């Protein structure tokens, strides 16, 4: 089975760059402390790297 990532939004998207806000939404996050599971692949890792100051990531 492929590895998955548990991504939690821990900071607000108010006042951040529109590009970063769209990235957070593309990850499926809308509210603070919301958690989503995504597959561990280069595309998701790149999105996480762009908004690493807003999210916490755990491997599961």
PDB file of N, CA and C in Angstrom:
ATOM      1  N   UNK A   1       0.836  -1.186   0.000  1.00  0.00           N
ATOM      2  CA  UNK A   1       0.000   0.000   0.000  1.00  0.00           C
ATOM      3  C   UNK A   1       0.881   1.250   0.000  1.00  0.00           C
ATOM      4  N   UNK A   2       0.485   2.238  -0.768  1.00  0.00           N
ATOM      5  CA  UNK A   2       1.248   3.480  -0.862  1.00  0.00           C
ATOM      6  C   UNK A   2       1.135   4.273   0.435  1.00  0.00           C
ATOM      7  N   UNK A   3       2.165   5.035   0.731  1.00  0.00           N
ATOM      8  CA  UNK A   3       2.144   5.884   1.923  1.00  0.00           C
ATOM      9  C   UNK A   3       1.152   7.015   1.738  1.00  0.00           C
ATOM     10  N   UNK A   4       0.617   7.474   2.860  1.00  0.00           N
ATOM     11  CA  UNK A   4      -0.308   8.606   2.840  1.00  0.00           C
ATOM     12  C   UNK A   4       0.217   9.685   3.768  1.00  0.00           C
ATOM     13  N   UNK A   5      -0.267  10.885   3.542  1.00  0.00           N
ATOM     14  CA  UNK A   5       0.085  12.024   4.375  1.00  0.00           C
ATOM     15  C   UNK A   5      -1.178  12.556   5.045  1.00  0.00           C
ATOM     16  N   UNK A   6      -1.049  12.856   6.325  1.00  0.00           N
ATOM     17  CA  UNK A   6      -2.140  13.482   7.083  1.00  0.00           C
ATOM     18  C   UNK A   6      -1.776  14.956   7.196  1.00  0.00           C
ATOM     19  N   UNK A   7      -2.579  15.811   6.583  1.00  0.00           N
ATOM     20  CA  UNK A   7      -2.288  17.242   6.504  1.00  0.00           C
ATOM     21  C   UNK A   7      -3.319  17.999   7.337  1.00  0.00           C
ATOM     22  N   UNK A   8      -2.832  18.830   8.262  1.00  0.00           N
ATOM     23  CA  UNK A   8      -3.702  19.607   9.143  1.00  0.00           C
ATOM     24  C   UNK A   8      -3.423  21.093   8.941  1.00  0.00           C
ATOM     25  N   UNK A   9      -4.474  21.870   8.724  1.00  0.00           N
ATOM     26  CA  UNK A   9      -4.343  23.324   8.615  1.00  0.00           C
ATOM     27  C   UNK A   9      -4.265  23.893  10.027  1.00  0.00           C
ATOM     28  N   UNK A  10      -3.162  24.578  10.352  1.00  0.00           N
ATOM     29  CA  UNK A  10      -2.977  25.095  11.709  1.00  0.00           C
ATOM     30  C   UNK A  10      -2.928  26.622  11.774  1.00  0.00           C
ATOM     31  N   UNK A  11      -2.827  27.276  10.619  1.00  0.00           N
ATOM     32  CA  UNK A  11      -2.824  28.743  10.597  1.00  0.00           C
ATOM     33  C   UNK A  11      -3.913  29.237   9.665  1.00  0.00           C
ATOM     34  N   UNK A  12      -4.412  30.424   9.925  1.00  0.00           N
ATOM     35  CA  UNK A  12      -5.475  31.009   9.118  1.00  0.00           C
ATOM     36  C   UNK A  12      -4.955  31.415   7.742  1.00  0.00           C
ATOM     37  N   UNK A  13      -5.850  31.396   6.763  1.00  0.00           N
ATOM     38  CA  UNK A  13      -5.485  31.831   5.417  1.00  0.00           C
ATOM     39  C   UNK A  13      -5.789  33.311   5.195  1.00  0.00           C
ATOM     40  N   UNK A  14      -6.217  33.997   6.239  1.00  0.00           N
ATOM     41  CA  UNK A  14      -6.507  35.435   6.123  1.00  0.00           C
ATOM     42  C   UNK A  14      -5.194  36.189   5.940  1.00  0.00           C
ATOM     43  N   UNK A  15      -5.142  37.013   4.912  1.00  0.00           N
ATOM     44  CA  UNK A  15      -3.979  37.863   4.690  1.00  0.00           C
ATOM     45  C   UNK A  15      -2.813  37.196   3.995  1.00  0.00           C
ATOM     46  N   UNK A  16      -2.957  35.951   3.546  1.00  0.00           N
ATOM     47  CA  UNK A  16      -1.848  35.312   2.836  1.00  0.00           C
ATOM     48  C   UNK A  16      -1.997  35.543   1.340  1.00  0.00           C
ATOM     49  N   UNK A  17      -0.969  35.221   0.584  1.00  0.00           N
ATOM     50  CA  UNK A  17      -1.001  35.408  -0.862  1.00  0.00           C
ATOM     51  C   UNK A  17      -2.146  34.600  -1.484  1.00  0.00           C
ATOM     52  N   UNK A  18      -2.825  35.168  -2.466  1.00  0.00           N
ATOM     53  CA  UNK A  18      -3.916  34.441  -3.124  1.00  0.00           C
ATOM     54  C   UNK A  18      -3.465  33.086  -3.684  1.00  0.00           C
ATOM     55  N   UNK A  19      -2.246  33.020  -4.182  1.00  0.00           N
ATOM     56  CA  UNK A  19      -1.699  31.766  -4.709  1.00  0.00           C
ATOM     57  C   UNK A  19      -1.639  30.697  -3.609  1.00  0.00           C
ATOM     58  N   UNK A  20      -1.227  31.092  -2.422  1.00  0.00           N
ATOM     59  CA  UNK A  20      -1.148  30.152  -1.303  1.00  0.00           C
ATOM     60  C   UNK A  20      -2.542  29.742  -0.830  1.00  0.00           C
ATOM     61  N   UNK A  21      -3.473  30.680  -0.851  1.00  0.00           N
ATOM     62  CA  UNK A  21      -4.848  30.371  -0.449  1.00  0.00           C
ATOM     63  C   UNK A  21      -5.450  29.321  -1.385  1.00  0.00           C
ATOM     64  N   UNK A  22      -5.197  29.473  -2.676  1.00  0.00           N
ATOM     65  CA  UNK A  22      -5.702  28.502  -3.656  1.00  0.00           C
ATOM     66  C   UNK A  22      -5.045  27.144  -3.464  1.00  0.00           C
ATOM     67  N   UNK A  23      -3.775  27.131  -3.082  1.00  0.00           N
ATOM     68  CA  UNK A  23      -3.080  25.870  -2.832  1.00  0.00           C
ATOM     69  C   UNK A  23      -3.691  25.148  -1.640  1.00  0.00           C
ATOM     70  N   UNK A  24      -3.980  25.889  -0.574  1.00  0.00           N
ATOM     71  CA  UNK A  24      -4.611  25.297   0.617  1.00  0.00           C
ATOM     72  C   UNK A  24      -5.974  24.716   0.246  1.00  0.00           C
ATOM     73  N   UNK A  25      -6.746  25.450  -0.544  1.00  0.00           N
ATOM     74  CA  UNK A  25      -8.057  24.960  -0.976  1.00  0.00           C
ATOM     75  C   UNK A  25      -7.924  23.733  -1.872  1.00  0.00           C
ATOM     76  N   UNK A  26      -6.904  23.708  -2.719  1.00  0.00           N
ATOM     77  CA  UNK A  26      -6.676  22.566  -3.609  1.00  0.00           C
ATOM     78  C   UNK A  26      -6.304  21.312  -2.818  1.00  0.00           C
ATOM     79  N   UNK A  27      -5.702  21.501  -1.646  1.00  0.00           N
ATOM     80  CA  UNK A  27      -5.401  20.368  -0.770  1.00  0.00           C
ATOM     81  C   UNK A  27      -6.658  19.865  -0.054  1.00  0.00           C
ATOM     82  N   UNK A  28      -7.750  20.625  -0.158  1.00  0.00           N
ATOM     83  CA  UNK A  28      -9.010  20.211   0.447  1.00  0.00           C
ATOM     84  C   UNK A  28      -9.226  20.761   1.842  1.00  0.00           C
ATOM     85  N   UNK A  29      -8.471  21.794   2.204  1.00  0.00           N
ATOM     86  CA  UNK A  29      -8.571  22.375   3.541  1.00  0.00           C
ATOM     87  C   UNK A  29      -9.346  23.680   3.492  1.00  0.00           C
ATOM     88  N   UNK A  30     -10.314  23.815   4.404  1.00  0.00           N
ATOM     89  CA  UNK A  30     -11.122  25.036   4.459  1.00  0.00           C
ATOM     90  C   UNK A  30     -11.072  25.710   5.818  1.00  0.00           C
ATOM     91  N   UNK A  31     -11.052  24.909   6.881  1.00  0.00           N
ATOM     92  CA  UNK A  31     -11.107  25.464   8.233  1.00  0.00           C
ATOM     93  C   UNK A  31      -9.855  25.084   9.015  1.00  0.00           C
ATOM     94  N   UNK A  32      -9.519  25.913  10.000  1.00  0.00           N
ATOM     95  CA  UNK A  32      -8.384  25.627  10.870  1.00  0.00           C
ATOM     96  C   UNK A  32      -8.653  24.336  11.631  1.00  0.00           C
ATOM     97  N   UNK A  33      -7.639  23.530  11.800  1.00  0.00           N
ATOM     98  CA  UNK A  33      -7.659  22.209  12.451  1.00  0.00           C
ATOM     99  C   UNK A  33      -8.363  21.136  11.627  1.00  0.00           C
ATOM    100  N   UNK A  34      -8.733  21.463  10.396  1.00  0.00           N
ATOM    101  CA  UNK A  34      -9.302  20.446   9.507  1.00  0.00           C
ATOM    102  C   UNK A  34      -8.171  19.531   9.049  1.00  0.00           C
ATOM    103  N   UNK A  35      -8.460  18.236   8.962  1.00  0.00           N
ATOM    104  CA  UNK A  35      -7.460  17.240   8.589  1.00  0.00           C
ATOM    105  C   UNK A  35      -7.902  16.523   7.325  1.00  0.00           C
ATOM    106  N   UNK A  36      -6.960  16.339   6.386  1.00  0.00           N
ATOM    107  CA  UNK A  36      -7.223  15.555   5.181  1.00  0.00           C
ATOM    108  C   UNK A  36      -6.109  14.540   5.005  1.00  0.00           C
ATOM    109  N   UNK A  37      -6.420  13.438   4.346  1.00  0.00           N
ATOM    110  CA  UNK A  37      -5.418  12.438   3.993  1.00  0.00           C
ATOM    111  C   UNK A  37      -5.210  12.482   2.493  1.00  0.00           C
ATOM    112  N   UNK A  38      -3.955  12.574   2.083  1.00  0.00           N
ATOM    113  CA  UNK A  38      -3.607  12.633   0.668  1.00  0.00           C
ATOM    114  C   UNK A  38      -2.509  11.615   0.391  1.00  0.00           C
ATOM    115  N   UNK A  39      -2.421  11.129  -0.849  1.00  0.00           N
ATOM    116  CA  UNK A  39      -1.336  10.208  -1.196  1.00  0.00           C
ATOM    117  C   UNK A  39       0.004  10.936  -1.162  1.00  0.00           C
ATOM    118  N   UNK A  40       1.052  10.205  -0.840  1.00  0.00           N
ATOM    119  CA  UNK A  40       2.397  10.779  -0.786  1.00  0.00           C
ATOM    120  C   UNK A  40       3.003  10.702  -2.181  1.00  0.00           C
ATOM    121  N   UNK A  41       2.924  11.818  -2.918  1.00  0.00           N
ATOM    122  CA  UNK A  41       3.532  11.874  -4.248  1.00  0.00           C
ATOM    123  C   UNK A  41       4.165  13.248  -4.453  1.00  0.00           C
ATOM    124  N   UNK A  42       4.982  13.396  -5.489  1.00  0.00           N
ATOM    125  CA  UNK A  42       5.691  14.671  -5.692  1.00  0.00           C
ATOM    126  C   UNK A  42       4.769  15.882  -5.845  1.00  0.00           C
ATOM    127  N   UNK A  43       3.587  15.691  -6.450  1.00  0.00           N
ATOM    128  CA  UNK A  43       2.675  16.814  -6.638  1.00  0.00           C
ATOM    129  C   UNK A  43       2.156  17.334  -5.295  1.00  0.00           C
ATOM    130  N   UNK A  44       1.726  16.431  -4.432  1.00  0.00           N
ATOM    131  CA  UNK A  44       1.221  16.831  -3.114  1.00  0.00           C
ATOM    132  C   UNK A  44       2.356  17.410  -2.275  1.00  0.00           C
ATOM    133  N   UNK A  45       3.544  16.795  -2.330  1.00  0.00           N
ATOM    134  CA  UNK A  45       4.702  17.311  -1.581  1.00  0.00           C
ATOM    135  C   UNK A  45       5.036  18.741  -2.008  1.00  0.00           C
ATOM    136  N   UNK A  46       4.935  19.031  -3.307  1.00  0.00           N
ATOM    137  CA  UNK A  46       5.205  20.380  -3.805  1.00  0.00           C
ATOM    138  C   UNK A  46       4.198  21.385  -3.280  1.00  0.00           C
ATOM    139  N   UNK A  47       2.931  20.979  -3.236  1.00  0.00           N
ATOM    140  CA  UNK A  47       1.884  21.864  -2.707  1.00  0.00           C
ATOM    141  C   UNK A  47       2.118  22.133  -1.222  1.00  0.00           C
ATOM    142  N   UNK A  48       2.491  21.089  -0.484  1.00  0.00           N
ATOM    143  CA  UNK A  48       2.757  21.234   0.951  1.00  0.00           C
ATOM    144  C   UNK A  48       3.944  22.163   1.171  1.00  0.00           C
ATOM    145  N   UNK A  49       4.989  21.998   0.345  1.00  0.00           N
ATOM    146  CA  UNK A  49       6.188  22.826   0.492  1.00  0.00           C
ATOM    147  C   UNK A  49       5.861  24.307   0.299  1.00  0.00           C
ATOM    148  N   UNK A  50       4.904  24.598  -0.571  1.00  0.00           N
ATOM    149  CA  UNK A  50       4.521  25.984  -0.841  1.00  0.00           C
ATOM    150  C   UNK A  50       3.806  26.625   0.348  1.00  0.00           C
ATOM    151  N   UNK A  51       3.076  25.824   1.123  1.00  0.00           N
ATOM    152  CA  UNK A  51       2.309  26.375   2.253  1.00  0.00           C
ATOM    153  C   UNK A  51       2.738  25.742   3.585  1.00  0.00           C
ATOM    154  N   UNK A  52       4.013  25.379   3.694  1.00  0.00           N
ATOM    155  CA  UNK A  52       4.499  24.687   4.897  1.00  0.00           C
ATOM    156  C   UNK A  52       4.378  25.522   6.161  1.00  0.00           C
ATOM    157  N   UNK A  53       4.259  26.847   6.028  1.00  0.00           N
ATOM    158  CA  UNK A  53       4.093  27.720   7.187  1.00  0.00           C
ATOM    159  C   UNK A  53       2.654  27.715   7.714  1.00  0.00           C
ATOM    160  N   UNK A  54       1.733  27.078   6.992  1.00  0.00           N
ATOM    161  CA  UNK A  54       0.327  27.043   7.392  1.00  0.00           C
ATOM    162  C   UNK A  54      -0.160  25.670   7.822  1.00  0.00           C
ATOM    163  N   UNK A  55       0.595  24.620   7.490  1.00  0.00           N
ATOM    164  CA  UNK A  55       0.122  23.250   7.732  1.00  0.00           C
ATOM    165  C   UNK A  55       1.122  22.436   8.543  1.00  0.00           C
ATOM    166  N   UNK A  56       0.601  21.355   9.128  1.00  0.00           N
ATOM    167  CA  UNK A  56       1.425  20.352   9.791  1.00  0.00           C
ATOM    168  C   UNK A  56       1.178  19.044   9.058  1.00  0.00           C
ATOM    169  N   UNK A  57       2.266  18.307   8.766  1.00  0.00           N
ATOM    170  CA  UNK A  57       2.159  17.088   7.969  1.00  0.00           C
ATOM    171  C   UNK A  57       2.686  15.907   8.767  1.00  0.00           C
ATOM    172  N   UNK A  58       1.939  14.801   8.740  1.00  0.00           N
ATOM    173  CA  UNK A  58       2.365  13.551   9.382  1.00  0.00           C
ATOM    174  C   UNK A  58       2.268  12.439   8.346  1.00  0.00           C
ATOM    175  N   UNK A  59       3.236  11.520   8.360  1.00  0.00           N
ATOM    176  CA  UNK A  59       3.155  10.347   7.492  1.00  0.00           C
ATOM    177  C   UNK A  59       2.370   9.264   8.210  1.00  0.00           C
ATOM    178  N   UNK A  60       1.470   8.603   7.472  1.00  0.00           N
ATOM    179  CA  UNK A  60       0.713   7.503   8.054  1.00  0.00           C
ATOM    180  C   UNK A  60       0.799   6.271   7.161  1.00  0.00           C
TER     181      UNK A  60
END
